[in-house]
Amino acid sequence: MLVVLIGIAALFTVIGIAHAGPEDTPRTKKTTKAPRATASPDAKRAAPADGVTLPPTDGANFDYQINEPYTPPSGVEIVSRDREAAPAPGLYNICYVNAFQAQPDAEADWDHDLLLRDADGDVVMDEDWGEALFDIRTKDKRERIAETVGGWIDGCAKAGYQAVEPDNYDSYTRSQDLLTEDDAMAFIKLLADRAHAAHLAIGQKNTLELASHREELGLDFAIAEECGQQDPPECGDYTKAFSKVIMIEYKASALETTCADWQQPGVAVVRRDLDVSAPDSDDYMRETCAAV
């Protein structure tokens, strides 16, 4: 769901970031009508995998740069960038990977049977972003897709990232009921194992309805978009399930709500513009709780 790279320069075929979607849609998708999550009472006490460093979210200054990398503002401690971009020196870096869907126009890079197809044989698309959904319904297909995505994860580790952000965990909600929650969880477990083997932390991107499974799946922290914008807000449900949560808002009113109610130890909050622009863009917007 997002492209560009080092501009976001040559965001290749199946990996960069997708083009901007509808005007009111953030560059990364979320499930807005998910059932409320019930967090495990012990979820916050689960220890990270050996050799994994969790993001320093206790009031940390976070910047979301998954569209185009740039020099982080003064005081930023955590930054998320596309996997094709170099990590920011001296900071905690999270590597964005489009894990559950193919990049726009990249269907030809994948085996025919690894793209989800409907009864007519047509590829099931995420229409907002022009991305084909991966077919993760069988163990064989999950493992074959994970071989490629896992290679990207290994590349994140080699580049110097400390964590990975696999996007589109919620692709099953756009699958015309062809994919299930179990399919999604089985696939992300493969990615979590691969990340931990590379000594990377792995974040759950949105998908609140599966947050209660985070411990069994090996998910270390959460990245929650628009949790303060939901009615009722969902931010508290993420903090019940995860001890480390990065909250990204796109509206001023949502930033106010999130900062007022959930600025606490273990939480980092930022507001960005929908296109996650660089400072040289007229659309650039970045605010933290210090602004409200």
Protein backbone atom coordinates (compact mmCIF):
# COMPACT_ATOMS: atom_id res chain seq x y z
CA MET A 1 0.00 0.00 0.00
CA LEU A 2 2.65 2.42 -0.39
CA VAL A 3 5.41 3.22 -2.82
CA VAL A 4 8.27 5.42 -3.53
CA LEU A 5 11.67 4.84 -1.99
CA ILE A 6 14.52 7.08 -1.45
CA GLY A 7 12.20 9.22 -3.01
CA ILE A 8 11.17 6.29 -2.11
CA ALA A 9 13.28 5.72 -5.02
CA ALA A 10 12.94 2.71 -7.02
CA LEU A 11 10.43 0.86 -5.21
CA PHE A 12 10.61 -2.17 -7.13
CA THR A 13 8.22 -4.60 -8.16
CA VAL A 14 6.84 -6.37 -5.17
CA ILE A 15 8.18 -4.43 -2.34
CA GLY A 16 7.97 -0.78 -2.07
CA ILE A 17 5.16 1.27 -1.09
CA ALA A 18 1.97 1.75 -2.92
CA HIS A 19 0.47 4.85 -4.44
CA ALA A 20 -1.76 7.08 -2.40
CA GLY A 21 -5.29 5.84 -2.16
CA PRO A 22 -8.54 7.69 -1.64
CA GLU A 23 -8.22 11.14 -0.15
CA ASP A 24 -9.47 10.11 3.28
CA THR A 25 -7.59 6.80 3.40
CA PRO A 26 -4.24 6.58 5.18
CA ARG A 27 -1.36 5.11 3.22
CA THR A 28 -1.69 1.95 5.27
CA LYS A 29 -5.01 0.23 5.75
CA LYS A 30 -6.77 -0.80 8.91
CA THR A 31 -9.90 -2.69 9.80
CA THR A 32 -12.43 -0.15 11.00
CA LYS A 33 -15.29 -2.47 11.91
CA ALA A 34 -13.42 -5.15 13.78
CA PRO A 35 -14.92 -6.78 16.85
CA ARG A 36 -13.45 -5.62 20.13
CA ALA A 37 -10.35 -7.49 21.23
CA THR A 38 -10.12 -9.34 24.51
CA ALA A 39 -6.52 -9.16 25.68
CA SER A 40 -4.86 -11.93 27.59
CA PRO A 41 -4.28 -10.82 31.20
CA ASP A 42 -0.66 -11.99 30.92
CA ALA A 43 -0.01 -10.49 27.50
CA LYS A 44 1.91 -7.51 28.84
CA ARG A 45 4.23 -9.78 30.84
CA ALA A 46 5.37 -11.89 27.90
CA ALA A 47 9.13 -11.55 27.42
CA PRO A 48 10.57 -10.69 24.01
CA ALA A 49 12.39 -13.39 22.08
CA ASP A 50 16.07 -13.87 22.83
CA GLY A 51 18.28 -11.29 21.14
CA VAL A 52 15.34 -9.03 20.27
CA THR A 53 15.24 -5.37 21.31
CA LEU A 54 11.79 -3.82 21.68
CA PRO A 55 11.11 -0.22 20.63
CA PRO A 56 11.75 2.35 23.40
CA THR A 57 8.16 3.58 23.39
CA ASP A 58 8.04 5.13 26.88
CA GLY A 59 7.15 8.63 25.76
CA ALA A 60 9.53 8.29 22.83
CA ASN A 61 9.39 10.60 19.85
CA PHE A 62 8.36 8.54 16.80
CA ASP A 63 8.43 9.43 13.10
CA TYR A 64 6.62 7.53 10.35
CA GLN A 65 8.63 7.70 7.12
CA ILE A 66 7.34 4.76 5.10
CA ASN A 67 6.78 6.88 1.98
CA GLU A 68 10.03 8.82 1.67
CA PRO A 69 12.98 8.82 4.09
CA TYR A 70 14.38 12.11 5.35
CA THR A 71 16.49 13.36 8.23
CA PRO A 72 14.36 12.79 11.34
CA PRO A 73 13.35 15.88 13.33
CA SER A 74 15.38 16.64 16.43
CA GLY A 75 14.46 14.42 19.37
CA VAL A 76 13.11 11.51 17.33
CA GLU A 77 14.13 8.16 18.80
CA ILE A 78 12.13 5.69 16.69
CA VAL A 79 11.55 5.76 12.94
CA SER A 80 9.71 3.41 10.58
CA ARG A 81 10.89 3.26 6.96
CA ASP A 82 10.29 1.13 3.91
CA ARG A 83 12.58 -1.87 3.68
CA GLU A 84 14.28 -0.46 0.57
CA ALA A 85 15.42 2.63 2.51
CA ALA A 86 18.48 2.73 4.74
CA PRO A 87 17.79 2.92 8.49
CA ALA A 88 18.31 6.25 10.26
CA PRO A 89 21.71 6.28 12.00
CA GLY A 90 21.65 6.09 15.78
CA LEU A 91 17.89 5.53 16.12
CA TYR A 92 15.61 2.55 16.71
CA ASN A 93 14.54 1.59 13.18
CA ILE A 94 11.45 -0.36 12.14
CA CYS A 95 11.41 -1.91 8.65
CA TYR A 96 8.11 -1.69 6.73
CA VAL A 97 7.29 -4.73 4.57
CA ASN A 98 4.16 -5.29 2.49
CA ALA A 99 3.74 -8.89 3.59
CA PHE A 100 0.21 -10.04 2.77
CA GLN A 101 -0.34 -8.39 -0.62
CA ALA A 102 1.67 -7.85 -3.80
CA GLN A 103 2.81 -4.38 -4.77
CA PRO A 104 0.72 -2.68 -7.48
CA ASP A 105 1.24 -4.18 -10.94
CA ALA A 106 3.60 -6.81 -9.51
CA GLU A 107 1.36 -9.85 -9.94
CA ALA A 108 3.68 -11.23 -12.63
CA ASP A 109 6.48 -11.51 -10.09
CA TRP A 110 4.59 -14.22 -8.22
CA ASP A 111 3.65 -17.76 -9.13
CA HIS A 112 0.14 -17.91 -10.54
CA ASP A 113 -1.20 -20.00 -7.68
CA LEU A 114 0.15 -17.70 -4.94
CA LEU A 115 -2.30 -14.93 -5.80
CA LEU A 116 -5.77 -15.31 -4.31
CA ARG A 117 -8.41 -15.96 -6.97
CA ASP A 118 -12.19 -15.99 -6.91
CA ALA A 119 -14.47 -18.67 -8.37
CA ASP A 120 -14.01 -17.19 -11.85
CA GLY A 121 -10.24 -17.32 -11.59
CA ASP A 122 -9.86 -13.57 -11.23
CA VAL A 123 -7.26 -12.21 -8.84
CA VAL A 124 -8.81 -10.80 -5.67
CA MET A 125 -7.64 -7.21 -5.34
CA ASP A 126 -7.41 -4.64 -2.62
CA GLU A 127 -9.17 -2.08 -4.78
CA ASP A 128 -8.10 0.95 -2.73
CA TRP A 129 -4.45 0.27 -3.42
CA GLY A 130 -4.42 -1.85 -6.56
CA GLU A 131 -2.74 -4.73 -4.74
CA ALA A 132 -3.36 -8.44 -5.29
CA LEU A 133 -3.95 -10.48 -2.16
CA PHE A 134 -1.70 -13.45 -1.50
CA ASP A 135 -3.34 -16.86 -1.22
CA ILE A 136 -2.33 -17.98 2.27
CA ARG A 137 -4.93 -20.72 2.65
CA THR A 138 -2.57 -23.70 2.63
CA LYS A 139 0.64 -24.54 4.47
CA ASP A 140 2.52 -24.99 1.20
CA LYS A 141 1.49 -21.60 -0.16
CA ARG A 142 2.19 -19.82 3.11
CA GLU A 143 5.67 -21.31 3.23
CA ARG A 144 6.42 -20.37 -0.38
CA ILE A 145 5.29 -16.78 0.12
CA ALA A 146 7.14 -16.61 3.43
CA GLU A 147 10.33 -17.65 1.64
CA THR A 148 10.25 -14.39 -0.32
CA VAL A 149 8.91 -12.17 2.46
CA GLY A 150 11.33 -13.81 4.87
CA GLY A 151 14.16 -12.86 2.54
CA TRP A 152 13.04 -9.24 2.82
CA ILE A 153 13.00 -9.58 6.60
CA ASP A 154 16.54 -10.96 6.54
CA GLY A 155 17.47 -7.96 4.40
CA CYS A 156 16.04 -5.62 7.03
CA ALA A 157 18.26 -7.21 9.65
CA LYS A 158 21.32 -7.05 7.42
CA ALA A 159 20.66 -3.36 6.73
CA GLY A 160 20.68 -2.60 10.46
CA TYR A 161 17.01 -2.42 11.39
CA GLN A 162 15.89 -3.50 14.86
CA ALA A 163 12.28 -4.45 14.04
CA VAL A 164 9.93 -5.26 11.20
CA GLU A 165 6.40 -3.99 10.43
CA PRO A 166 4.58 -6.49 8.18
CA ASP A 167 1.60 -4.73 6.65
CA ASN A 168 -1.83 -6.00 5.58
CA TYR A 169 -2.25 -8.57 8.33
CA ASP A 170 -5.95 -7.82 7.88
CA SER A 171 -6.04 -8.81 4.20
CA TYR A 172 -8.56 -11.53 5.05
CA THR A 173 -11.13 -8.78 5.67
CA ARG A 174 -10.84 -7.83 1.97
CA SER A 175 -10.70 -11.39 0.62
CA GLN A 176 -14.36 -11.93 -0.31
CA ASP A 177 -14.47 -14.40 2.60
CA LEU A 178 -11.88 -16.62 0.94
CA LEU A 179 -9.28 -16.11 3.68
CA THR A 180 -9.80 -16.57 7.39
CA GLU A 181 -8.34 -15.23 10.61
CA ASP A 182 -6.62 -18.59 11.07
CA ASP A 183 -4.92 -18.20 7.68
CA ALA A 184 -3.63 -14.78 8.64
CA MET A 185 -2.37 -15.95 12.02
CA ALA A 186 -0.65 -19.01 10.57
CA PHE A 187 1.18 -16.82 8.07
CA ILE A 188 2.24 -14.11 10.49
CA LYS A 189 3.58 -16.81 12.83
CA LEU A 190 5.97 -17.83 10.05
CA LEU A 191 7.06 -14.21 9.70
CA ALA A 192 7.47 -13.80 13.46
CA ASP A 193 9.69 -16.88 13.62
CA ARG A 194 11.77 -15.55 10.72
CA ALA A 195 12.07 -12.11 12.33
CA HIS A 196 13.14 -13.54 15.67
CA ALA A 197 15.68 -15.81 13.98
CA ALA A 198 17.18 -12.62 12.53
CA HIS A 199 17.05 -10.96 15.99
CA LEU A 200 14.35 -8.52 14.91
CA ALA A 201 11.28 -7.56 16.92
CA ILE A 202 8.03 -7.84 14.96
CA GLY A 203 5.04 -5.53 15.26
CA GLN A 204 1.36 -6.24 14.77
CA LYS A 205 -0.03 -3.68 12.31
CA ASN A 206 -3.62 -2.75 13.20
CA THR A 207 -5.95 -5.82 13.10
CA LEU A 208 -7.21 -5.31 16.64
CA GLU A 209 -9.49 -8.35 16.49
CA LEU A 210 -6.44 -10.64 16.56
CA ALA A 211 -4.55 -8.80 19.29
CA SER A 212 -5.46 -11.36 21.95
CA HIS A 213 -3.37 -13.93 20.04
CA ARG A 214 -0.23 -11.83 20.05
CA GLU A 215 1.67 -13.92 22.59
CA GLU A 216 1.10 -17.30 20.92
CA LEU A 217 2.05 -15.78 17.56
CA GLY A 218 5.20 -14.11 18.86
CA LEU A 219 4.21 -10.51 18.11
CA ASP A 220 6.26 -8.09 20.19
CA PHE A 221 4.58 -4.68 19.87
CA ALA A 222 1.75 -2.95 18.02
CA ILE A 223 1.49 -0.20 15.43
CA ALA A 224 -2.05 1.15 15.58
CA GLU A 225 -3.35 3.60 13.02
CA GLU A 226 -6.33 5.82 13.82
CA CYS A 227 -7.11 4.07 17.10
CA GLY A 228 -8.19 7.40 18.61
CA GLN A 229 -10.43 8.14 15.65
CA GLN A 230 -12.63 5.08 16.08
CA ASP A 231 -15.99 5.27 17.84
CA PRO A 232 -15.40 4.19 20.52
CA PRO A 233 -11.61 4.66 20.46
CA GLU A 234 -9.59 1.45 20.27
CA CYS A 235 -6.27 2.64 21.70
CA GLY A 236 -6.94 1.20 25.13
CA ASP A 237 -7.56 -2.24 23.64
CA TYR A 238 -4.10 -2.19 22.09
CA THR A 239 -2.49 -1.19 25.40
CA LYS A 240 -4.27 -4.09 27.12
CA ALA A 241 -2.76 -6.55 24.64
CA PHE A 242 0.69 -5.01 24.16
CA SER A 243 3.17 -3.37 26.50
CA LYS A 244 4.63 -1.39 23.58
CA VAL A 245 2.29 0.48 21.24
CA ILE A 246 3.00 3.06 18.54
CA MET A 247 -0.12 5.08 17.75
CA ILE A 248 -0.42 6.99 14.46
CA GLU A 249 -3.22 9.47 13.92
CA TYR A 250 -4.10 11.44 10.79
CA LYS A 251 -6.58 13.97 12.20
CA ALA A 252 -6.02 16.73 14.77
CA SER A 253 -9.07 15.72 16.82
CA ALA A 254 -7.89 12.11 16.99
CA LEU A 255 -4.42 13.21 18.11
CA GLU A 256 -6.04 15.22 20.90
CA THR A 257 -8.06 12.22 22.06
CA THR A 258 -5.15 9.82 21.87
CA CYS A 259 -2.75 12.12 23.70
CA ALA A 260 -5.29 12.99 26.40
CA ASP A 261 -6.27 9.41 27.18
CA TRP A 262 -3.38 7.13 26.22
CA GLN A 263 -0.13 9.06 26.54
CA GLN A 264 1.44 6.72 29.08
CA PRO A 265 4.50 4.51 29.61
CA GLY A 266 4.94 2.11 26.71
CA VAL A 267 3.13 4.35 24.22
CA ALA A 268 4.49 6.60 21.46
CA VAL A 269 2.07 8.88 19.56
CA VAL A 270 2.43 10.87 16.34
CA ARG A 271 0.16 12.58 13.84
CA ARG A 272 1.13 12.38 10.18
CA ASP A 273 -0.41 13.48 6.90
CA LEU A 274 -2.23 10.77 4.94
CA ASP A 275 0.54 10.44 2.36
CA VAL A 276 3.27 10.28 5.02
CA SER A 277 5.06 13.03 3.11
CA ALA A 278 8.59 14.36 3.48
CA PRO A 279 9.14 17.90 4.83
CA ASP A 280 9.71 19.32 1.33
CA SER A 281 6.10 18.51 0.42
CA ASP A 282 3.28 21.02 0.83
CA ASP A 283 1.22 18.22 2.38
CA TYR A 284 3.74 17.44 5.10
CA MET A 285 2.26 17.24 8.59
CA ARG A 286 3.87 15.90 11.72
CA GLU A 287 2.75 16.61 15.27
CA THR A 288 3.27 14.93 18.61
CA CYS A 289 1.44 15.21 21.92
CA ALA A 290 3.56 18.27 22.69
CA ALA A 291 1.40 20.16 20.17
CA VAL A 292 -1.91 19.53 21.94
